[in-house]
N, C-alpha and C. Protein backbone atom coordinates (compact mmCIF):
# COMPACT_ATOMS: atom_id res chain seq x y z
N MET A 1 25.26 6.36 9.16
CA MET A 1 24.37 6.47 8.03
C MET A 1 24.00 7.94 7.86
N LYS A 2 24.15 8.44 6.65
CA LYS A 2 23.93 9.85 6.37
C LYS A 2 22.48 10.25 6.55
N ARG A 3 21.60 9.40 6.14
CA ARG A 3 20.18 9.72 6.21
C ARG A 3 19.39 8.57 6.79
N ILE A 4 18.40 8.91 7.54
CA ILE A 4 17.43 7.93 8.01
C ILE A 4 16.21 8.14 7.14
N LEU A 5 15.60 7.08 6.67
CA LEU A 5 14.48 7.28 5.78
C LEU A 5 13.17 6.82 6.39
N THR A 6 12.15 7.46 5.92
CA THR A 6 10.81 7.12 6.35
C THR A 6 9.96 6.90 5.13
N ILE A 7 9.19 5.85 5.13
CA ILE A 7 8.22 5.62 4.07
C ILE A 7 6.85 5.77 4.68
N LEU A 8 6.08 6.69 4.13
CA LEU A 8 4.71 6.88 4.60
C LEU A 8 3.78 6.19 3.62
N ILE A 9 2.94 5.36 4.12
CA ILE A 9 2.00 4.66 3.26
C ILE A 9 0.59 5.04 3.67
N PHE A 10 -0.14 5.58 2.72
CA PHE A 10 -1.51 5.98 2.96
C PHE A 10 -2.40 4.95 2.26
N VAL A 11 -3.26 4.31 2.99
CA VAL A 11 -4.05 3.21 2.46
C VAL A 11 -5.53 3.57 2.52
N ASN A 12 -6.22 3.49 1.37
CA ASN A 12 -7.67 3.66 1.36
C ASN A 12 -8.34 2.31 1.17
N CYS A 13 -9.63 2.36 1.30
CA CYS A 13 -10.48 1.20 1.05
C CYS A 13 -10.11 0.02 1.94
N LEU A 14 -9.61 0.32 3.13
CA LEU A 14 -9.35 -0.71 4.12
C LEU A 14 -10.26 -0.43 5.30
N THR A 15 -10.48 -1.40 6.11
CA THR A 15 -11.43 -1.23 7.20
C THR A 15 -10.83 -0.53 8.40
N SER A 16 -9.61 -0.10 8.31
CA SER A 16 -8.94 0.50 9.47
C SER A 16 -8.84 2.01 9.36
N TYR A 17 -9.91 2.68 8.98
CA TYR A 17 -9.92 4.13 8.87
C TYR A 17 -9.52 4.75 10.19
N GLY A 18 -8.72 5.81 10.11
CA GLY A 18 -8.34 6.54 11.30
C GLY A 18 -7.20 5.91 12.07
N GLN A 19 -6.73 4.78 11.65
CA GLN A 19 -5.68 4.09 12.38
C GLN A 19 -4.32 4.64 11.96
N ILE A 20 -3.45 4.81 12.93
CA ILE A 20 -2.07 5.20 12.66
C ILE A 20 -1.19 4.13 13.27
N ASP A 21 -0.22 3.67 12.52
CA ASP A 21 0.63 2.60 13.00
C ASP A 21 2.06 2.88 12.55
N THR A 22 3.01 2.58 13.39
CA THR A 22 4.43 2.74 13.05
C THR A 22 5.16 1.45 13.38
N LEU A 23 5.89 0.95 12.41
CA LEU A 23 6.73 -0.22 12.61
C LEU A 23 8.12 0.10 12.09
N LYS A 24 9.13 -0.52 12.68
CA LYS A 24 10.51 -0.27 12.26
C LYS A 24 11.07 -1.53 11.61
N PHE A 25 11.65 -1.36 10.42
CA PHE A 25 12.25 -2.47 9.69
C PHE A 25 13.63 -2.07 9.20
N LYS A 26 14.67 -2.64 9.78
CA LYS A 26 16.04 -2.49 9.30
C LYS A 26 16.36 -1.08 8.83
N GLY A 27 16.17 -0.10 9.69
CA GLY A 27 16.50 1.28 9.36
C GLY A 27 15.39 2.06 8.70
N PHE A 28 14.27 1.39 8.41
CA PHE A 28 13.13 2.07 7.81
C PHE A 28 12.06 2.24 8.86
N ASP A 29 11.48 3.40 8.93
CA ASP A 29 10.27 3.59 9.73
C ASP A 29 9.09 3.62 8.77
N PHE A 30 8.14 2.72 8.97
CA PHE A 30 6.93 2.72 8.16
C PHE A 30 5.82 3.33 8.99
N VAL A 31 5.30 4.44 8.54
CA VAL A 31 4.21 5.12 9.25
C VAL A 31 2.98 5.05 8.36
N PHE A 32 1.93 4.45 8.87
CA PHE A 32 0.71 4.26 8.10
C PHE A 32 -0.40 5.13 8.67
N THR A 33 -0.99 5.95 7.82
CA THR A 33 -2.13 6.77 8.22
C THR A 33 -3.15 6.72 7.10
N PRO A 34 -4.41 7.04 7.37
CA PRO A 34 -5.42 6.99 6.32
C PRO A 34 -5.20 8.09 5.29
N SER A 35 -5.61 7.84 4.07
CA SER A 35 -5.50 8.83 3.01
C SER A 35 -6.54 9.92 3.20
N ASP A 36 -6.23 11.08 2.67
CA ASP A 36 -7.21 12.17 2.70
C ASP A 36 -8.15 12.08 1.51
N THR A 37 -8.05 11.03 0.73
CA THR A 37 -8.90 10.84 -0.43
C THR A 37 -10.32 10.47 0.02
N THR A 38 -11.31 11.11 -0.60
CA THR A 38 -12.70 10.78 -0.30
C THR A 38 -13.11 9.57 -1.14
N LEU A 39 -13.70 8.60 -0.50
CA LEU A 39 -14.14 7.40 -1.21
C LEU A 39 -15.52 7.62 -1.81
N ASN A 40 -15.70 7.16 -3.03
CA ASN A 40 -16.99 7.24 -3.69
C ASN A 40 -17.48 5.81 -3.87
N CYS A 41 -17.89 5.20 -2.78
CA CYS A 41 -18.23 3.78 -2.76
C CYS A 41 -19.60 3.60 -2.14
N VAL A 42 -20.63 3.89 -2.88
CA VAL A 42 -21.99 3.79 -2.37
C VAL A 42 -22.43 2.33 -2.36
N GLY A 43 -23.02 1.89 -1.26
CA GLY A 43 -23.59 0.56 -1.19
C GLY A 43 -22.65 -0.55 -0.79
N ILE A 44 -21.42 -0.24 -0.51
CA ILE A 44 -20.46 -1.27 -0.09
C ILE A 44 -20.72 -1.61 1.37
N ASP A 45 -21.00 -2.87 1.66
CA ASP A 45 -21.20 -3.30 3.05
C ASP A 45 -19.86 -3.52 3.75
N LYS A 46 -18.89 -4.06 3.00
CA LYS A 46 -17.57 -4.31 3.57
C LYS A 46 -16.53 -4.12 2.47
N PHE A 47 -15.52 -3.33 2.77
CA PHE A 47 -14.45 -3.10 1.81
C PHE A 47 -13.48 -4.28 1.81
N PRO A 48 -12.72 -4.45 0.73
CA PRO A 48 -11.73 -5.51 0.72
C PRO A 48 -10.75 -5.31 1.87
N GLU A 49 -10.25 -6.41 2.39
CA GLU A 49 -9.34 -6.32 3.54
C GLU A 49 -8.22 -7.34 3.37
N TYR A 50 -7.02 -6.91 3.65
CA TYR A 50 -5.87 -7.81 3.65
C TYR A 50 -6.11 -8.89 4.70
N LYS A 51 -5.86 -10.14 4.35
CA LYS A 51 -6.07 -11.23 5.31
C LYS A 51 -5.14 -11.04 6.50
N GLY A 52 -5.71 -11.03 7.68
CA GLY A 52 -4.94 -10.76 8.89
C GLY A 52 -5.09 -9.32 9.34
N GLY A 53 -5.69 -8.48 8.49
CA GLY A 53 -5.97 -7.10 8.88
C GLY A 53 -4.85 -6.13 8.57
N PHE A 54 -5.06 -4.92 9.05
CA PHE A 54 -4.18 -3.80 8.76
C PHE A 54 -2.74 -4.04 9.22
N GLU A 55 -2.57 -4.54 10.43
CA GLU A 55 -1.21 -4.75 10.95
C GLU A 55 -0.44 -5.76 10.12
N GLU A 56 -1.11 -6.78 9.63
CA GLU A 56 -0.44 -7.76 8.77
C GLU A 56 -0.07 -7.15 7.43
N LEU A 57 -0.91 -6.25 6.91
CA LEU A 57 -0.57 -5.54 5.68
C LEU A 57 0.67 -4.69 5.89
N VAL A 58 0.73 -4.00 7.01
CA VAL A 58 1.90 -3.18 7.36
C VAL A 58 3.15 -4.06 7.38
N LYS A 59 3.06 -5.21 8.00
CA LYS A 59 4.21 -6.12 8.08
C LYS A 59 4.61 -6.62 6.69
N PHE A 60 3.61 -6.98 5.88
CA PHE A 60 3.88 -7.47 4.53
C PHE A 60 4.64 -6.43 3.72
N ILE A 61 4.15 -5.20 3.74
CA ILE A 61 4.81 -4.13 2.97
C ILE A 61 6.21 -3.89 3.52
N GLY A 62 6.33 -3.87 4.84
CA GLY A 62 7.63 -3.66 5.46
C GLY A 62 8.66 -4.71 5.09
N LYS A 63 8.22 -5.93 4.91
CA LYS A 63 9.14 -7.02 4.56
C LYS A 63 9.45 -7.07 3.07
N ASN A 64 8.58 -6.48 2.26
CA ASN A 64 8.68 -6.67 0.82
C ASN A 64 8.98 -5.41 0.02
N ILE A 65 9.25 -4.32 0.67
CA ILE A 65 9.60 -3.11 -0.06
C ILE A 65 10.77 -2.44 0.64
N LYS A 66 11.71 -1.97 -0.15
CA LYS A 66 12.89 -1.28 0.35
C LYS A 66 13.01 0.05 -0.39
N TYR A 67 13.65 1.00 0.26
CA TYR A 67 13.95 2.28 -0.41
C TYR A 67 15.20 2.03 -1.24
N PRO A 68 15.11 2.08 -2.57
CA PRO A 68 16.27 1.76 -3.40
C PRO A 68 17.46 2.69 -3.13
N GLU A 69 18.65 2.11 -3.10
CA GLU A 69 19.87 2.88 -2.81
C GLU A 69 20.05 4.04 -3.79
N LYS A 70 19.79 3.80 -5.07
CA LYS A 70 19.92 4.87 -6.07
C LYS A 70 18.96 6.01 -5.77
N ALA A 71 17.75 5.70 -5.37
CA ALA A 71 16.77 6.74 -5.03
C ALA A 71 17.23 7.53 -3.81
N ILE A 72 17.83 6.85 -2.84
CA ILE A 72 18.37 7.54 -1.66
C ILE A 72 19.50 8.47 -2.09
N ASN A 73 20.44 7.95 -2.87
CA ASN A 73 21.59 8.75 -3.32
C ASN A 73 21.17 9.94 -4.17
N ASP A 74 20.10 9.77 -4.96
CA ASP A 74 19.60 10.85 -5.82
C ASP A 74 18.57 11.73 -5.11
N SER A 75 18.32 11.46 -3.83
CA SER A 75 17.35 12.22 -3.02
C SER A 75 15.96 12.24 -3.64
N ILE A 76 15.54 11.11 -4.19
CA ILE A 76 14.21 11.03 -4.81
C ILE A 76 13.18 10.75 -3.72
N GLN A 77 12.16 11.60 -3.67
CA GLN A 77 11.08 11.47 -2.71
C GLN A 77 9.76 11.73 -3.43
N GLY A 78 8.68 11.23 -2.88
CA GLY A 78 7.36 11.49 -3.45
C GLY A 78 6.45 10.29 -3.33
N ARG A 79 5.33 10.37 -4.04
CA ARG A 79 4.29 9.33 -3.96
C ARG A 79 4.27 8.44 -5.19
N VAL A 80 4.02 7.17 -4.94
CA VAL A 80 3.73 6.20 -5.99
C VAL A 80 2.31 5.72 -5.74
N PHE A 81 1.47 5.74 -6.77
CA PHE A 81 0.10 5.26 -6.63
C PHE A 81 -0.01 3.85 -7.20
N LEU A 82 -0.41 2.92 -6.34
CA LEU A 82 -0.56 1.51 -6.70
C LEU A 82 -2.04 1.18 -6.84
N THR A 83 -2.35 0.29 -7.75
CA THR A 83 -3.73 -0.13 -7.91
C THR A 83 -3.79 -1.61 -8.28
N PHE A 84 -4.85 -2.26 -7.83
CA PHE A 84 -5.08 -3.66 -8.17
C PHE A 84 -6.55 -3.96 -7.92
N ILE A 85 -7.00 -5.09 -8.45
CA ILE A 85 -8.38 -5.53 -8.24
C ILE A 85 -8.37 -6.72 -7.30
N VAL A 86 -9.22 -6.65 -6.28
CA VAL A 86 -9.47 -7.81 -5.43
C VAL A 86 -10.73 -8.46 -5.99
N LYS A 87 -10.56 -9.65 -6.58
CA LYS A 87 -11.69 -10.35 -7.19
C LYS A 87 -12.65 -10.86 -6.11
N SER A 88 -13.82 -11.27 -6.52
CA SER A 88 -14.81 -11.79 -5.58
C SER A 88 -14.30 -13.04 -4.86
N THR A 89 -13.31 -13.69 -5.45
CA THR A 89 -12.68 -14.86 -4.83
C THR A 89 -11.59 -14.47 -3.83
N GLY A 90 -11.21 -13.18 -3.82
CA GLY A 90 -10.13 -12.70 -2.97
C GLY A 90 -8.80 -12.61 -3.71
N GLN A 91 -8.75 -13.18 -4.91
CA GLN A 91 -7.52 -13.14 -5.70
C GLN A 91 -7.18 -11.70 -6.08
N VAL A 92 -5.89 -11.35 -6.01
CA VAL A 92 -5.41 -10.02 -6.38
C VAL A 92 -4.92 -10.09 -7.82
N VAL A 93 -5.53 -9.27 -8.70
CA VAL A 93 -5.18 -9.27 -10.13
C VAL A 93 -5.03 -7.83 -10.61
N ASP A 94 -4.61 -7.69 -11.86
CA ASP A 94 -4.50 -6.37 -12.51
C ASP A 94 -3.66 -5.41 -11.66
N ARG A 95 -2.51 -5.89 -11.22
CA ARG A 95 -1.61 -5.12 -10.34
C ARG A 95 -0.81 -4.15 -11.21
N GLU A 96 -0.85 -2.88 -10.85
CA GLU A 96 -0.09 -1.91 -11.65
C GLU A 96 0.27 -0.67 -10.85
N ILE A 97 1.23 0.06 -11.39
CA ILE A 97 1.60 1.36 -10.86
C ILE A 97 0.77 2.37 -11.63
N LYS A 98 -0.11 3.05 -10.93
CA LYS A 98 -0.97 4.03 -11.59
C LYS A 98 -0.19 5.31 -11.89
N LYS A 99 0.63 5.73 -10.93
CA LYS A 99 1.48 6.91 -11.12
C LYS A 99 2.81 6.62 -10.43
N GLY A 100 3.88 6.62 -11.22
CA GLY A 100 5.18 6.27 -10.69
C GLY A 100 6.00 7.46 -10.23
N LEU A 101 7.19 7.14 -9.72
CA LEU A 101 8.08 8.17 -9.19
C LEU A 101 9.46 8.10 -9.85
N SER A 102 10.06 6.92 -9.89
CA SER A 102 11.34 6.70 -10.57
C SER A 102 11.39 5.23 -10.96
N LEU A 103 12.27 4.89 -11.88
CA LEU A 103 12.35 3.50 -12.32
C LEU A 103 12.63 2.55 -11.16
N GLU A 104 13.57 2.92 -10.30
CA GLU A 104 13.97 2.05 -9.19
C GLU A 104 12.85 1.89 -8.16
N ILE A 105 12.22 3.00 -7.80
CA ILE A 105 11.13 2.94 -6.81
C ILE A 105 9.93 2.21 -7.40
N ASP A 106 9.61 2.50 -8.65
CA ASP A 106 8.48 1.82 -9.30
C ASP A 106 8.71 0.32 -9.36
N LEU A 107 9.93 -0.09 -9.69
CA LEU A 107 10.26 -1.52 -9.75
C LEU A 107 10.09 -2.17 -8.38
N GLU A 108 10.55 -1.50 -7.34
CA GLU A 108 10.42 -2.02 -5.97
C GLU A 108 8.95 -2.21 -5.61
N CYS A 109 8.13 -1.22 -5.96
CA CYS A 109 6.68 -1.31 -5.67
C CYS A 109 6.02 -2.41 -6.48
N LYS A 110 6.40 -2.54 -7.75
CA LYS A 110 5.82 -3.57 -8.60
C LYS A 110 6.17 -4.97 -8.08
N GLN A 111 7.42 -5.16 -7.64
CA GLN A 111 7.81 -6.45 -7.09
C GLN A 111 7.01 -6.78 -5.84
N MET A 112 6.77 -5.77 -5.00
CA MET A 112 5.95 -5.99 -3.80
C MET A 112 4.52 -6.36 -4.20
N LEU A 113 3.97 -5.62 -5.18
CA LEU A 113 2.61 -5.92 -5.64
C LEU A 113 2.51 -7.35 -6.18
N ASN A 114 3.53 -7.80 -6.89
CA ASN A 114 3.50 -9.15 -7.46
C ASN A 114 3.53 -10.24 -6.40
N LYS A 115 3.99 -9.91 -5.20
CA LYS A 115 4.00 -10.87 -4.09
C LYS A 115 2.74 -10.78 -3.23
N MET A 116 1.89 -9.79 -3.51
CA MET A 116 0.70 -9.55 -2.68
C MET A 116 -0.19 -10.79 -2.67
N PRO A 117 -0.46 -11.34 -1.49
CA PRO A 117 -1.33 -12.52 -1.41
C PRO A 117 -2.81 -12.13 -1.53
N ASP A 118 -3.66 -13.14 -1.52
CA ASP A 118 -5.10 -12.91 -1.60
C ASP A 118 -5.61 -12.08 -0.43
N TRP A 119 -6.69 -11.36 -0.68
CA TRP A 119 -7.37 -10.54 0.32
C TRP A 119 -8.75 -11.12 0.59
N ASN A 120 -9.43 -10.59 1.58
CA ASN A 120 -10.86 -10.86 1.77
C ASN A 120 -11.59 -9.89 0.85
N PRO A 121 -12.54 -10.38 0.04
CA PRO A 121 -13.19 -9.52 -0.96
C PRO A 121 -14.16 -8.51 -0.35
N ALA A 122 -14.50 -7.51 -1.18
CA ALA A 122 -15.54 -6.56 -0.81
C ALA A 122 -16.89 -7.29 -0.84
N ILE A 123 -17.83 -6.78 -0.06
CA ILE A 123 -19.16 -7.41 0.05
C ILE A 123 -20.25 -6.37 -0.20
N ILE A 124 -21.21 -6.74 -1.04
CA ILE A 124 -22.45 -5.97 -1.21
C ILE A 124 -23.60 -6.96 -1.11
N ASP A 125 -24.57 -6.66 -0.27
CA ASP A 125 -25.75 -7.53 -0.09
C ASP A 125 -25.35 -8.98 0.18
N ASN A 126 -24.37 -9.15 1.05
CA ASN A 126 -23.87 -10.47 1.45
C ASN A 126 -23.24 -11.27 0.31
N LYS A 127 -22.87 -10.59 -0.79
CA LYS A 127 -22.23 -11.27 -1.91
C LYS A 127 -20.87 -10.64 -2.16
N PRO A 128 -19.84 -11.47 -2.33
CA PRO A 128 -18.52 -10.92 -2.66
C PRO A 128 -18.52 -10.34 -4.08
N ILE A 129 -17.80 -9.25 -4.24
CA ILE A 129 -17.72 -8.58 -5.54
C ILE A 129 -16.25 -8.28 -5.87
N ASP A 130 -15.99 -8.00 -7.16
CA ASP A 130 -14.68 -7.50 -7.57
C ASP A 130 -14.60 -6.03 -7.15
N TYR A 131 -13.42 -5.60 -6.72
CA TYR A 131 -13.27 -4.22 -6.23
C TYR A 131 -11.84 -3.74 -6.49
N ARG A 132 -11.71 -2.55 -7.09
CA ARG A 132 -10.38 -1.97 -7.34
C ARG A 132 -9.91 -1.22 -6.10
N VAL A 133 -8.71 -1.54 -5.66
CA VAL A 133 -8.07 -0.88 -4.52
C VAL A 133 -6.95 0.00 -5.07
N THR A 134 -6.90 1.25 -4.63
CA THR A 134 -5.83 2.16 -5.00
C THR A 134 -5.29 2.80 -3.74
N PHE A 135 -3.97 2.83 -3.60
CA PHE A 135 -3.39 3.55 -2.47
C PHE A 135 -2.02 4.10 -2.83
N PRO A 136 -1.67 5.24 -2.25
CA PRO A 136 -0.34 5.80 -2.48
C PRO A 136 0.65 5.32 -1.43
N ILE A 137 1.89 5.19 -1.85
CA ILE A 137 3.00 4.97 -0.93
C ILE A 137 3.90 6.19 -1.08
N THR A 138 4.13 6.90 0.00
CA THR A 138 4.99 8.08 -0.04
C THR A 138 6.38 7.71 0.46
N PHE A 139 7.36 7.94 -0.39
CA PHE A 139 8.76 7.72 -0.04
C PHE A 139 9.35 9.05 0.40
N LYS A 140 9.85 9.10 1.62
CA LYS A 140 10.38 10.35 2.16
C LYS A 140 11.66 10.08 2.93
N LEU A 141 12.68 10.88 2.66
CA LEU A 141 13.97 10.79 3.35
C LEU A 141 14.00 11.80 4.48
N ARG A 142 14.61 11.39 5.58
CA ARG A 142 14.83 12.31 6.71
C ARG A 142 16.32 12.50 6.88
N ASP A 143 16.73 13.73 7.21
CA ASP A 143 18.15 14.00 7.50
C ASP A 143 18.51 13.52 8.88
């Protein structure tokens, strides 16, 4: 194989701040680290969380996203910003690509988002609320 690829996923608004995790999936290394984005979330008691926690989110993304062959051949690298709302019921809605990278990579990310299962909702004053989650996925090729 000419290139080994790495996908870096930076996740905000999850309860696993400061956590770094690496999993290997069929030639892909997924390295997860917290985003350097500052959160402006005053009064949130608990942020939305993927059911099963951070490691299960890592596994879900690893199973449901691939680096498209065309993007590899064209040496396309960079960040895709994904966004969705976790409703007070935990349902994931309004799934979209906030900032894309290429048609193939964006399609891969959108398909993964469409498979995203329910989350545990954000909590304020012991009440679940709707909350928008945004995180970048960085696609990076290694020689």
